[in-house]
Protein backbone atom coordinates (compact mmCIF):
# COMPACT_ATOMS: atom_id res chain seq x y z
CA MET A 1 -37.35 82.02 31.89
CA LYS A 2 -36.79 79.30 29.32
CA PHE A 3 -38.51 81.30 26.59
CA ARG A 4 -36.62 84.54 27.22
CA LEU A 5 -34.20 83.92 24.35
CA SER A 6 -36.92 82.66 22.01
CA LEU A 7 -38.99 85.77 22.85
CA LYS A 8 -36.06 88.03 22.04
CA ILE A 9 -35.32 86.24 18.79
CA GLY A 10 -39.02 86.19 17.90
CA LEU A 11 -39.48 89.89 18.59
CA MET A 12 -36.35 90.77 16.64
CA PHE A 13 -37.49 88.75 13.63
CA PHE A 14 -41.05 90.09 13.98
CA VAL A 15 -39.95 93.75 14.02
CA ILE A 16 -37.61 93.27 11.05
CA ILE A 17 -40.06 91.27 8.94
CA LEU A 18 -43.02 93.47 9.90
CA GLY A 19 -41.03 96.57 8.98
CA LEU A 20 -40.16 95.07 5.60
CA GLU A 21 -43.74 93.98 4.99
CA LEU A 22 -45.21 97.37 5.96
CA THR A 23 -42.71 99.13 3.69
CA MET A 24 -43.62 96.85 0.81
CA VAL A 25 -47.36 97.19 1.48
CA PHE A 26 -47.15 100.98 1.67
CA PHE A 27 -45.17 101.11 -1.57
CA LEU A 28 -47.54 98.70 -3.33
CA HIS A 29 -50.60 100.61 -2.07
CA ASN A 30 -49.27 103.91 -3.39
CA VAL A 31 -48.31 102.32 -6.70
CA LEU A 32 -51.79 100.83 -7.13
CA VAL A 33 -53.55 104.09 -6.20
CA ASP A 34 -51.35 106.17 -8.48
CA SER A 35 -51.79 103.64 -11.25
CA ARG A 36 -55.57 103.75 -10.86
CA ILE A 37 -55.63 107.56 -10.98
CA GLU A 38 -53.33 107.56 -14.00
CA ASP A 39 -55.59 105.09 -15.79
CA GLU A 40 -58.67 107.22 -15.09
CA VAL A 41 -56.90 110.39 -16.24
CA SER A 42 -55.76 108.64 -19.44
CA SER A 43 -59.29 107.42 -20.04
CA LEU A 44 -60.61 110.94 -19.44
CA LEU A 45 -58.10 112.39 -21.92
CA ALA A 46 -59.05 109.80 -24.54
CA ARG A 47 -62.77 110.53 -24.12
CA GLY A 48 -62.17 114.27 -24.32
CA HIS A 49 -60.06 113.80 -27.46
CA SER A 50 -62.88 111.85 -29.06
CA HIS A 51 -65.32 114.71 -28.37
CA GLN A 52 -62.71 117.17 -29.60
CA LEU A 53 -62.52 115.47 -33.00
CA THR A 54 -66.30 115.28 -33.25
CA LEU A 55 -66.81 118.98 -32.48
CA GLU A 56 -64.02 120.08 -34.78
CA HIS A 57 -65.81 118.27 -37.57
CA SER A 58 -69.14 119.92 -36.76
CA PHE A 59 -69.32 122.66 -34.13
CA ASP A 60 -73.06 123.31 -34.03
CA GLU A 61 -75.84 123.11 -31.46
CA GLU A 62 -76.97 119.64 -32.50
CA THR A 63 -73.48 118.15 -32.28
CA ILE A 64 -72.80 119.90 -28.96
CA TYR A 65 -76.10 118.58 -27.60
CA HIS A 66 -75.27 115.12 -28.85
CA VAL A 67 -71.84 115.19 -27.10
CA THR A 68 -73.45 116.37 -23.87
CA LEU A 69 -76.15 113.70 -24.11
CA MET A 70 -73.51 110.98 -24.45
CA GLU A 71 -72.04 111.86 -21.03
CA VAL A 72 -75.38 112.02 -19.19
CA ALA A 73 -75.55 108.23 -18.95
CA ALA A 74 -71.80 107.83 -18.27
CA ASN A 75 -69.93 108.20 -14.97
CA THR A 76 -68.10 111.19 -16.44
CA ASP A 77 -69.30 114.72 -17.21
CA VAL A 78 -68.59 117.10 -20.07
CA MET A 79 -68.75 120.84 -20.49
CA VAL A 80 -68.40 122.62 -23.85
CA THR A 81 -67.52 126.33 -23.99
CA ASP A 82 -66.81 128.79 -26.72
CA ALA A 83 -63.46 130.48 -27.23
CA ASP A 84 -64.34 133.06 -24.50
CA GLN A 85 -65.07 130.36 -21.89
CA GLN A 86 -68.82 130.89 -22.09
CA VAL A 87 -70.63 127.61 -21.35
CA LEU A 88 -72.53 126.35 -24.39
CA SER A 89 -73.62 123.01 -22.96
CA SER A 90 -72.93 120.88 -19.88
CA SER A 91 -73.98 117.51 -18.46
CA PHE A 92 -73.89 118.99 -14.95
CA GLN A 93 -77.24 119.55 -13.28
CA ASN A 94 -75.79 122.22 -10.99
CA GLN A 95 -74.57 125.45 -12.57
CA ARG A 96 -72.52 126.30 -9.48
CA VAL A 97 -70.13 123.46 -10.31
CA GLU A 98 -69.44 125.02 -13.69
CA GLU A 99 -68.92 128.48 -12.22
CA ALA A 100 -66.61 127.21 -9.44
CA PHE A 101 -64.55 125.26 -11.94
CA LEU A 102 -64.13 128.20 -14.33
CA GLN A 103 -63.04 130.44 -11.44
CA ASN A 104 -60.43 127.99 -10.05
CA PHE A 105 -58.72 126.78 -13.22
CA THR A 106 -57.06 128.93 -15.90
CA PHE A 107 -54.54 128.05 -18.60
CA ASP A 108 -52.55 129.74 -21.32
CA SER A 109 -52.33 127.08 -24.01
CA VAL A 110 -53.63 123.55 -24.53
CA PRO A 111 -51.59 120.80 -26.22
CA ARG A 112 -53.24 118.91 -29.04
CA LYS A 113 -53.39 115.74 -26.93
CA GLY A 114 -55.15 117.62 -24.15
CA LEU A 115 -54.24 119.20 -20.82
CA ILE A 116 -54.72 117.72 -17.35
CA LEU A 117 -56.13 120.50 -15.21
CA ASN A 118 -56.37 118.55 -11.95
CA ASP A 119 -55.58 115.03 -10.76
CA ASP A 120 -55.53 115.73 -7.00
CA ILE A 121 -58.30 113.53 -5.65
CA ASP A 122 -57.76 114.64 -2.04
CA SER A 123 -58.24 118.39 -2.54
CA PHE A 124 -60.95 118.51 -5.22
CA SER A 125 -64.21 116.79 -5.98
CA TYR A 126 -63.31 116.15 -9.64
CA ILE A 127 -60.36 115.34 -11.79
CA ASN A 128 -60.63 117.13 -15.11
CA THR A 129 -59.02 117.70 -18.48
CA VAL A 130 -59.45 120.15 -21.32
CA HIS A 131 -59.11 119.92 -25.11
CA GLU A 132 -59.00 122.82 -27.50
CA ILE A 133 -61.44 122.84 -30.46
CA ILE A 134 -59.86 124.29 -33.62
CA ASN A 135 -61.62 124.94 -36.90
CA GLY A 136 -60.26 124.37 -40.39
CA ASN A 137 -58.58 127.77 -40.41
CA GLY A 138 -56.55 126.95 -37.29
CA GLU A 139 -58.62 129.25 -35.06
CA THR A 140 -59.76 128.29 -31.55
CA ILE A 141 -63.53 128.10 -31.53
CA GLY A 142 -64.09 126.40 -28.16
CA TYR A 143 -63.04 123.99 -25.45
CA VAL A 144 -64.15 120.54 -24.26
CA TYR A 145 -63.83 119.95 -20.51
CA MET A 146 -64.08 116.41 -19.11
CA PHE A 147 -64.85 115.66 -15.46
CA LEU A 148 -64.68 112.53 -13.29
CA SER A 149 -65.98 112.62 -9.76
CA THR A 150 -63.37 111.62 -7.18
CA ASP A 151 -66.11 109.84 -5.20
CA SER A 152 -65.78 106.79 -7.44
CA LEU A 153 -62.02 106.80 -7.02
CA HIS A 154 -62.33 107.14 -3.25
CA ALA A 155 -64.72 104.19 -3.25
CA VAL A 156 -62.21 102.06 -5.17
CA ILE A 157 -59.38 103.15 -2.84
CA HIS A 158 -61.53 102.41 0.21
CA GLN A 159 -62.22 98.92 -1.10
CA LEU A 160 -58.51 98.50 -1.85
CA ASN A 161 -57.67 99.60 1.69
CA GLU A 162 -60.03 97.01 3.12
CA HIS A 163 -58.33 94.31 1.10
CA PHE A 164 -54.93 95.55 2.22
CA TRP A 165 -55.95 95.58 5.90
CA LEU A 166 -57.29 92.05 5.59
CA THR A 167 -54.11 90.93 3.84
CA ALA A 168 -51.98 92.69 6.45
CA PHE A 169 -53.87 90.95 9.27
CA ILE A 170 -53.39 87.54 7.63
CA VAL A 171 -49.73 88.21 6.87
CA ILE A 172 -49.01 89.45 10.41
CA SER A 173 -50.80 86.47 11.92
CA LEU A 174 -48.93 83.99 9.74
CA THR A 175 -45.67 85.84 10.35
CA THR A 176 -46.19 85.69 14.10
CA ILE A 177 -46.93 81.95 14.01
CA ILE A 178 -44.00 81.15 11.70
CA ILE A 179 -41.56 83.29 13.71
CA PHE A 180 -42.72 81.68 16.96
CA ILE A 181 -42.20 78.20 15.50
CA LEU A 182 -38.80 79.16 14.06
CA SER A 183 -37.59 80.86 17.23
CA VAL A 184 -38.65 77.92 19.40
CA ASN A 185 -37.07 75.55 16.89
CA ILE A 186 -33.81 77.50 17.14
CA VAL A 187 -33.88 78.01 20.91
CA LYS A 188 -34.97 74.49 21.89
CA PRO A 189 -31.66 72.84 20.92
CA LEU A 190 -29.79 75.78 22.48
CA LEU A 191 -31.60 75.16 25.76
CA LYS A 192 -30.62 71.50 25.58
CA MET A 193 -27.02 72.51 24.95
CA LYS A 194 -27.18 74.92 27.90
CA GLU A 195 -28.51 72.14 30.10
CA ALA A 196 -25.75 69.83 28.85
CA THR A 197 -23.01 72.38 29.51
CA GLY A 198 -24.51 72.98 32.96
CA LYS A 199 -24.15 69.27 33.74
CA MET A 200 -20.63 69.29 32.35
CA SER A 201 -19.69 72.23 34.60
CA LYS A 202 -20.74 70.10 37.60
CA GLY A 203 -18.56 67.22 36.47
CA ASP A 204 -21.28 65.12 34.85
CA PHE A 205 -20.12 64.34 31.32
CA SER A 206 -22.79 61.74 30.52
CA VAL A 207 -24.67 64.10 28.24
CA SER A 208 -26.48 63.14 25.07
CA LEU A 209 -27.46 65.67 22.43
CA PRO A 210 -29.44 64.99 19.22
CA ASN A 211 -27.20 64.57 16.20
CA THR A 212 -29.75 64.91 13.41
CA ARG A 213 -29.38 68.53 12.33
CA LYS A 214 -27.09 69.33 9.40
CA ASP A 215 -26.71 73.05 10.13
CA GLU A 216 -24.55 75.18 12.44
CA LEU A 217 -26.63 74.17 15.49
CA GLY A 218 -25.97 70.54 14.60
CA ASP A 219 -22.25 71.29 14.34
CA LEU A 220 -22.37 72.99 17.75
CA ALA A 221 -24.23 70.04 19.29
CA ARG A 222 -21.67 67.61 17.88
CA SER A 223 -18.84 69.79 19.17
CA ILE A 224 -20.33 69.85 22.67
CA GLN A 225 -20.90 66.08 22.53
CA THR A 226 -17.27 65.57 21.46
CA LEU A 227 -16.11 67.91 24.22
CA ALA A 228 -18.14 65.94 26.77
CA HIS A 229 -16.59 62.67 25.61
CA ASP A 230 -13.11 64.17 25.67
CA LEU A 231 -13.60 65.65 29.14
CA ASP A 232 -15.02 62.37 30.39
CA TYR A 233 -12.00 60.57 28.97
CA LEU A 234 -9.64 63.15 30.50
CA LYS A 235 -11.41 62.83 33.85
CA LYS A 236 -10.98 59.08 33.82
CA GLU A 237 -7.40 59.47 32.62
CA ARG A 238 -6.69 61.98 35.38
CA ASN A 239 -8.13 59.70 38.04
CA GLU A 240 -6.19 56.77 36.67
CA PHE A 241 -3.12 58.96 36.34
CA LEU A 242 -3.30 60.07 39.96
CA ALA A 243 -3.97 56.52 41.14
CA THR A 244 -1.05 55.22 39.10
CA ILE A 245 1.29 57.94 40.37
CA ALA A 246 0.26 57.14 43.94
CA HIS A 247 0.94 53.46 43.27
CA GLU A 248 4.22 54.10 41.49
CA LEU A 249 5.44 56.37 44.29
CA ARG A 250 4.12 54.18 47.08
CA THR A 251 5.83 51.01 45.84
CA PRO A 252 9.48 52.21 45.96
CA LEU A 253 8.79 54.16 49.13
CA THR A 254 7.39 51.00 50.73
CA TYR A 255 10.52 49.08 49.73
CA ILE A 256 12.79 51.86 51.00
CA LYS A 257 10.93 52.24 54.30
CA GLY A 258 10.63 48.47 54.88
CA TYR A 259 14.27 47.62 54.19
CA ALA A 260 15.49 50.69 56.07
CA ASP A 261 13.56 49.47 59.12
CA VAL A 262 15.07 46.02 58.69
CA VAL A 263 18.61 47.41 58.48
CA GLN A 264 18.01 49.73 61.43
CA LYS A 265 16.22 47.36 63.84
CA ARG A 266 17.85 44.03 63.14
CA LYS A 267 21.37 42.89 63.64
CA LEU A 268 22.28 41.77 60.14
CA SER A 269 25.37 40.28 58.71
CA ALA A 270 27.48 42.47 56.47
CA LYS A 271 26.32 40.47 53.47
CA ASP A 272 22.59 40.88 54.26
CA GLU A 273 23.07 44.55 55.11
CA ASP A 274 24.73 45.16 51.73
CA LYS A 275 21.90 43.28 50.03
CA TYR A 276 19.18 45.40 51.64
CA LEU A 277 21.07 48.64 51.10
CA LYS A 278 21.43 47.75 47.43
CA ILE A 279 17.66 47.24 47.19
CA ILE A 280 17.11 50.61 48.88
CA GLN A 281 19.50 52.24 46.40
CA GLU A 282 17.75 50.61 43.40
CA GLU A 283 14.32 51.71 44.58
CA SER A 284 15.63 55.23 45.25
CA GLU A 285 16.95 55.38 41.69
CA LYS A 286 13.57 54.19 40.33
CA LEU A 287 11.86 56.85 42.40
CA THR A 288 14.23 59.51 41.08
CA GLU A 289 13.67 58.38 37.48
CA LEU A 290 9.90 58.48 37.95
CA ILE A 291 10.01 62.01 39.39
CA ASP A 292 12.32 63.15 36.57
CA ASP A 293 9.93 61.68 34.00
CA LEU A 294 6.97 63.43 35.63
CA LEU A 295 8.85 66.74 35.64
CA ASP A 296 9.74 66.28 31.97
CA LEU A 297 6.11 65.61 31.06
CA ALA A 298 4.94 68.62 33.06
CA LYS A 299 7.39 70.87 31.21
CA LEU A 300 6.37 69.40 27.87
CA ASP A 301 2.66 69.89 28.61
CA GLN A 302 3.28 73.54 29.53
CA ASN A 303 5.58 74.18 26.53
CA GLN A 304 8.41 74.96 28.95
CA PHE A 305 10.67 72.28 27.53
CA GLU A 306 13.65 73.91 25.89
CA ILE A 307 14.88 72.27 22.69
CA LYS A 308 18.40 73.27 21.63
CA LYS A 309 18.93 71.92 18.13
CA GLU A 310 22.26 71.37 16.46
CA MET A 311 23.55 69.26 13.61
CA ILE A 312 24.15 65.65 14.64
CA HIS A 313 26.20 63.20 12.59
CA LEU A 314 23.90 60.22 12.93
CA ALA A 315 26.33 57.36 12.32
CA ASN A 316 28.73 58.56 15.04
CA PHE A 317 25.92 59.51 17.41
CA LEU A 318 24.13 56.15 17.15
CA GLU A 319 27.44 54.33 17.54
CA GLN A 320 27.89 56.08 20.89
CA VAL A 321 24.36 55.12 21.93
CA GLN A 322 25.07 51.53 20.90
CA LEU A 323 28.18 51.42 23.10
CA LYS A 324 26.21 52.86 26.01
CA MET A 325 23.39 50.30 25.64
CA GLU A 326 25.60 47.25 25.00
CA PRO A 327 25.84 46.16 28.68
CA ALA A 328 22.06 46.08 28.98
CA PHE A 329 21.72 44.08 25.77
CA TYR A 330 24.55 41.76 26.82
CA GLU A 331 22.89 41.10 30.18
CA LYS A 332 19.65 40.10 28.37
CA LYS A 333 21.65 38.09 25.82
CA MET A 334 20.30 40.25 23.01
CA SER A 335 22.05 41.93 20.08
CA LEU A 336 21.80 45.52 18.81
CA SER A 337 22.77 46.56 15.29
CA VAL A 338 22.76 50.02 13.70
CA GLN A 339 22.23 50.55 9.98
CA CYS A 340 22.94 54.19 9.12
CA PRO A 341 24.52 55.67 5.99
CA ASN A 342 27.60 57.64 6.94
CA GLN A 343 26.54 60.88 5.16
CA LEU A 344 23.25 61.41 7.04
CA SER A 345 22.87 64.22 9.58
CA LEU A 346 19.98 65.44 11.71
CA CYS A 347 19.19 68.83 13.23
CA ALA A 348 17.96 67.98 16.74
CA ASP A 349 18.63 68.44 20.45
CA PRO A 350 21.39 65.84 21.12
CA ARG A 351 20.35 65.22 24.73
CA ARG A 352 16.66 64.82 23.94
CA PHE A 353 17.35 62.81 20.79
CA GLU A 354 19.42 60.38 22.85
CA GLN A 355 16.57 60.22 25.38
CA ILE A 356 14.18 59.22 22.57
CA ILE A 357 16.44 56.44 21.23
CA VAL A 358 17.39 55.12 24.69
CA ASN A 359 13.75 54.99 25.85
CA LEU A 360 12.73 53.02 22.77
CA LEU A 361 15.70 50.63 23.02
CA ASP A 362 14.96 50.17 26.70
CA ASN A 363 11.41 49.12 25.81
CA SER A 364 12.76 46.65 23.27
CA ILE A 365 14.97 45.10 25.95
CA HIS A 366 12.14 44.81 28.44
CA TYR A 367 9.64 43.24 26.07
CA SER A 368 11.89 40.95 24.00
CA ASN A 369 13.10 37.46 24.80
CA SER A 370 16.71 36.41 25.25
CA GLY A 371 18.51 35.91 21.98
CA SER A 372 16.41 38.53 20.17
CA GLU A 373 17.85 41.14 17.85
CA VAL A 374 17.05 44.85 17.76
CA ILE A 375 17.84 46.90 14.64
CA VAL A 376 18.12 50.66 14.37
CA ALA A 377 17.74 51.53 10.66
CA VAL A 378 18.13 55.07 9.33
CA SER A 379 17.13 56.18 5.83
CA ALA A 380 16.48 59.41 3.94
CA VAL A 381 12.91 59.83 2.62
CA HIS A 382 11.30 62.52 0.48
CA SER A 383 9.81 64.31 3.50
CA GLY A 384 12.85 64.10 5.78
CA LEU A 385 14.69 61.42 7.73
CA LEU A 386 13.22 58.10 8.92
CA ILE A 387 14.57 56.15 11.90
CA GLU A 388 13.11 52.67 12.51
CA ILE A 389 13.64 50.63 15.67
CA ILE A 390 12.77 47.03 14.87
CA ASP A 391 12.57 44.14 17.32
CA ASN A 392 11.15 40.59 17.21
CA GLY A 393 9.80 40.65 20.73
CA GLN A 394 6.36 40.05 22.23
CA GLY A 395 4.56 42.64 20.11
CA ILE A 396 1.53 44.75 21.01
CA PRO A 397 -2.15 43.78 20.58
CA ALA A 398 -3.87 45.85 17.87
CA SER A 399 -6.44 47.18 20.36
CA ASP A 400 -3.69 48.63 22.56
CA ILE A 401 -1.65 50.38 19.84
CA PRO A 402 -3.84 53.60 19.79
CA HIS A 403 -3.26 54.03 23.56
CA ILE A 404 0.27 52.70 23.94
CA MET A 405 1.74 56.23 24.14
CA ASP A 406 -0.72 57.43 26.80
CA LYS A 407 0.71 58.26 30.20
CA PHE A 408 1.07 55.20 32.46
CA TYR A 409 -0.62 52.96 29.87
CA ARG A 410 0.45 49.33 29.98
CA VAL A 411 -0.65 46.49 27.76
CA GLU A 412 -1.00 44.23 30.78
CA LYS A 413 -1.56 45.92 34.12
CA ALA A 414 -0.39 42.83 35.98
CA ARG A 415 3.09 43.16 34.44
CA THR A 416 3.74 46.52 36.12
CA ARG A 417 6.50 45.41 38.41
CA LYS A 418 7.64 42.41 36.38
CA TYR A 419 9.10 44.39 33.48
CA GLY A 420 9.89 47.59 35.36
CA GLY A 421 9.46 51.11 34.02
CA SER A 422 6.89 53.72 34.93
CA GLY A 423 4.73 53.64 31.81
CA LEU A 424 5.88 57.15 30.91
CA GLY A 425 8.65 56.31 28.43
CA LEU A 426 6.57 56.29 25.24
CA ALA A 427 4.54 59.29 26.41
CA ILE A 428 7.77 61.26 26.81
CA VAL A 429 9.04 60.03 23.42
CA LYS A 430 5.81 61.21 21.76
CA GLU A 431 6.04 64.66 23.37
CA LEU A 432 9.72 64.98 22.46
CA MET A 433 8.96 64.07 18.84
CA ASN A 434 6.21 66.71 18.80
CA ALA A 435 8.67 69.23 20.23
CA HIS A 436 11.02 68.43 17.33
CA GLY A 437 8.17 68.76 14.82
CA GLY A 438 8.36 65.03 14.02
CA ASP A 439 5.95 62.11 13.96
CA ILE A 440 6.01 58.72 15.65
CA SER A 441 4.09 55.64 14.52
CA ILE A 442 3.96 52.03 15.71
CA GLN A 443 3.44 48.83 13.74
CA SER A 444 3.25 45.63 15.72
CA LYS A 445 2.00 42.05 15.70
CA GLU A 446 1.72 39.87 18.78
CA ASN A 447 4.57 37.37 19.22
CA LYS A 448 6.24 38.65 16.03
CA GLY A 449 7.69 41.99 17.03
CA THR A 450 7.31 45.76 16.85
CA THR A 451 8.57 48.45 14.51
CA ILE A 452 8.62 52.04 15.76
CA GLN A 453 9.08 54.69 13.08
CA LEU A 454 10.41 58.15 13.88
CA LEU A 455 9.99 60.68 11.07
CA PHE A 456 12.01 63.89 11.43
CA LYS A 457 10.67 66.27 8.81
CA ASP A 458 12.96 68.34 6.64
CA GLU A 459 12.52 71.91 7.94
CA LYS A 460 13.38 73.31 4.50
CA LYS A 461 10.33 71.66 2.88
């Protein structure tokens, strides 16, 4: 079962490579055979031409005998005829060969360089050529026929075939081994990835894949490893998120239920009753705010949050926010100042933009000491418009800054109820900035303060 994929890949590679190799071998074999035949025919033509020149110089019995004698010891044969195709001399021992040849092959004219009468080694026993013998007066006085038995060529081809079969066996064997190694090498990491994804599908994200390859399989392994880490982080975040929601909902509900029971079951003075009812009202408002924040985040996560942008005159808008926030700052004995050039405007959703500024100012109030100052500074930059909210409060540890905008994240878990809030404010601010196409960044030092930068990009650039 594990080797099914490797077998498929191996067979596919084997068929393709074997097909290519067989095509190349067949082509090379034919080229070599044809080349060998062509060489033998050329050699036969050259030998016949040599005899042609000799006989044209002296066409007598002694010279004809001498030419015939030369071929007796060679692997070729010669036959000399007169102009009427009557055999004058031949190196053949069997006269029937001469008669059969003269009956099967006829020609009209012979070029000076000679004529190839037959080079088909499969249909005939000999390949042969002919040269015309011409005297000094330009008259044809005879012909020189050269013969080469195809047995020698078949022997060479047979030997060549043996070498090719041996080579083919070696090549196929090596190809099979190499393809097997390659296919296993490719499939092995895939099987590990399959096993890892199987564990991930069951909720086990503690997978470890080798990270040594520098190819596409290595990229895939790293992607799966990253996905496992991200899913593990999301799983932990989800569990913590659900636990935190349960805690955040349970706490105000406990207050509401407890004080409601007290008001209902005990005979309280009007003063104590008003006190407890005020606590119930405060906790109900906190519960409502938490639910509203959760609904906002859900809409933002599902891209169902509608942003209705319009031009906002920043100086006037921030002045209104300042007036709205003054009581909270006054109660904490803090000051708020706005530094905004009068000519600056911003294209944004007024309601959501106010939510961003108020959430950030609210954080500054919660985490700054009495007597502190918070500054809202607005400036135009080359990429758009920059809004900075600067306080000199408690600051944020460097290790917490990357996570400070995560849902329900708090720098100190023990301070949950002390400073109030649900831990969703910065998460909502981040999502709202993303919805506006802007960026948010935080710079902070412990016990020195925090600067939050909101960059609204110029949509024309």
